[in-house]
Each structure stands twice: as C-alpha cells, then as structure tokens.
C-alpha cells in the first residue's frame, strides 16, 4: 500500500506527484502480476493540504483508470473529504458518496 505524505500544498505537489507517479506505476506493475485490479493509497498521515491535493489525487485516479485499475483512498482526513465535496469530486474518490445533481 502506498502512503500520501503529511503535506500536499501547491508548492510541493509537483515533486510529490513525480514521486507518487513512479511509485504508482511500480505498484501497478507488481499488482498486475497478482489477482485483483486495485491499488490502495493511505491518506491517514495527510494533515496539511490545500486544493492542490485534489489535483494530485485526480492525476492518480486518471493514471490508475487508464488501464481499468481502481484506486482506493484509505483513511482520508475529514477535511479532505469535505474539500472534495465542495468541489463536487467526492463521488470520484469515495463510491459511497452521492454524485452531484446535474445542472439543469
């Protein structure tokens, strides 16, 4: 299981994405040789973040989804989930969340 860092803000997300992207690609290759099509990302240590964290997570979802992999975000801070809800992205990270109503 991969872990998010404790800090994801605009100034460090590009370098953290470079690190995470490499780790995700390695994890997908390793898991690809085993049963299952899912990768877990532990967010329990994330405690200092802004909306740039959502950009990193969307990039991770996109990378995993390219080949039909499921990314599961584990133990997210309540504030991260709330931030995703404010941006109408919560349903992308947590399937139990209701998708936002379409605009009329």
Protein backbone atom coordinates (compact mmCIF):
# COMPACT_ATOMS: atom_id res chain seq x y z
CA UNK A 1 0.00 0.00 0.00
CA UNK A 2 1.25 3.45 -0.90
CA UNK A 3 1.07 6.38 1.53
CA UNK A 4 0.42 10.03 0.91
CA UNK A 5 2.85 12.45 2.57
CA UNK A 6 1.78 14.57 5.52
CA UNK A 7 1.78 17.74 3.39
CA UNK A 8 0.26 18.39 -0.05
CA UNK A 9 0.16 22.06 -0.99
CA UNK A 10 0.60 23.97 -4.22
CA UNK A 11 4.33 24.43 -3.66
CA UNK A 12 5.15 20.74 -3.17
CA UNK A 13 2.53 18.87 -5.20
CA UNK A 14 4.62 18.74 -8.43
CA UNK A 15 7.51 16.99 -6.68
CA UNK A 16 5.17 14.77 -4.68
CA UNK A 17 3.34 13.80 -7.88
CA UNK A 18 6.63 12.84 -9.54
CA UNK A 19 7.36 10.58 -6.56
CA UNK A 20 3.84 9.15 -6.37
CA UNK A 21 3.54 8.60 -10.11
CA UNK A 22 6.68 6.44 -10.12
CA UNK A 23 5.51 4.52 -7.07
CA UNK A 24 2.04 4.01 -8.58
CA UNK A 25 3.48 2.72 -11.86
CA UNK A 26 5.68 0.29 -9.94
CA UNK A 27 2.74 -0.80 -7.77
CA UNK A 28 0.52 -1.32 -10.81
CA UNK A 29 3.19 -3.46 -12.45
CA UNK A 30 3.63 -5.51 -9.27
CA UNK A 31 -0.08 -5.88 -8.55
CA UNK A 32 -0.70 -6.57 -12.22
CA UNK A 33 1.11 -9.84 -11.77
CA UNK A 34 -1.25 -10.81 -8.94
CA UNK A 35 -5.01 -11.18 -8.70
CA UNK A 36 -7.11 -8.06 -8.45
CA UNK A 37 -7.28 -4.74 -10.21
CA UNK A 38 -6.98 -2.33 -7.31
CA UNK A 39 -4.39 -0.17 -5.61
CA UNK A 40 -4.75 1.42 -2.17
CA UNK A 41 -3.46 4.82 -1.16
CA UNK A 42 -3.25 5.53 2.57
CA UNK A 43 -4.16 9.14 3.38
CA UNK A 44 -4.11 8.78 7.17
CA UNK A 45 -0.93 10.84 7.58
CA UNK A 46 -2.12 13.76 5.44
CA UNK A 47 -2.65 16.73 7.73
CA UNK A 48 -1.54 19.84 5.82
CA UNK A 49 -3.12 20.28 2.41
CA UNK A 50 -4.97 22.59 0.07
CA UNK A 51 -6.91 22.10 -3.15
CA UNK A 52 -3.70 21.10 -4.94
CA UNK A 53 -4.03 17.78 -3.09
CA UNK A 54 -7.19 17.14 -5.12
CA UNK A 55 -5.23 17.74 -8.32
CA UNK A 56 -2.68 15.12 -7.27
CA UNK A 57 -5.45 12.66 -6.39
CA UNK A 58 -7.22 13.26 -9.69
CA UNK A 59 -3.95 12.56 -11.51
CA UNK A 60 -3.59 9.33 -9.54
CA UNK A 61 -7.17 8.33 -10.42
CA UNK A 62 -6.51 9.08 -14.08
CA UNK A 63 -3.29 7.05 -14.12
CA UNK A 64 -4.95 4.06 -12.48
CA UNK A 65 -8.08 4.31 -14.59
CA UNK A 66 -6.18 4.26 -17.90
CA UNK A 67 -5.88 0.51 -17.69
CA UNK A 68 -9.01 -0.18 -15.69
CA UNK A 69 -7.46 -0.13 -12.23
CA UNK A 70 -9.39 1.00 -9.18
CA UNK A 71 -7.72 3.44 -6.78
CA UNK A 72 -8.95 3.26 -3.20
CA UNK A 73 -8.20 6.16 -0.88
CA UNK A 74 -7.99 4.89 2.69
CA UNK A 75 -8.43 6.83 5.93
CA UNK A 76 -8.71 10.31 4.45
CA UNK A 77 -8.87 13.24 6.84
CA UNK A 78 -12.40 14.54 7.26
CA UNK A 79 -11.30 17.92 5.88
CA UNK A 80 -10.04 16.30 2.66
CA UNK A 81 -13.33 14.61 2.10
CA UNK A 82 -15.12 17.90 2.77
CA UNK A 83 -12.85 19.71 0.31
CA UNK A 84 -13.64 17.10 -2.33
CA UNK A 85 -17.34 17.56 -1.61
CA UNK A 86 -17.08 21.34 -2.02
CA UNK A 87 -15.50 20.80 -5.45
CA UNK A 88 -18.15 18.15 -6.32
CA UNK A 89 -15.44 15.47 -6.57
CA UNK A 90 -16.26 13.35 -3.53
CA UNK A 91 -18.02 10.66 -5.57
CA UNK A 92 -14.85 10.12 -7.63
CA UNK A 93 -12.80 9.18 -4.57
CA UNK A 94 -15.44 7.51 -2.44
CA UNK A 95 -18.08 5.49 -4.31
CA UNK A 96 -20.42 5.61 -1.31
CA UNK A 97 -20.79 9.38 -1.81
CA UNK A 98 -23.69 10.57 -3.88
CA UNK A 99 -22.84 12.05 -7.26
CA UNK A 100 -23.77 15.72 -7.56
CA UNK A 101 -27.04 16.51 -9.32
CA UNK A 102 -26.59 17.57 -12.91
CA UNK A 103 -27.10 21.20 -13.70
CA UNK A 104 -30.37 21.95 -15.42
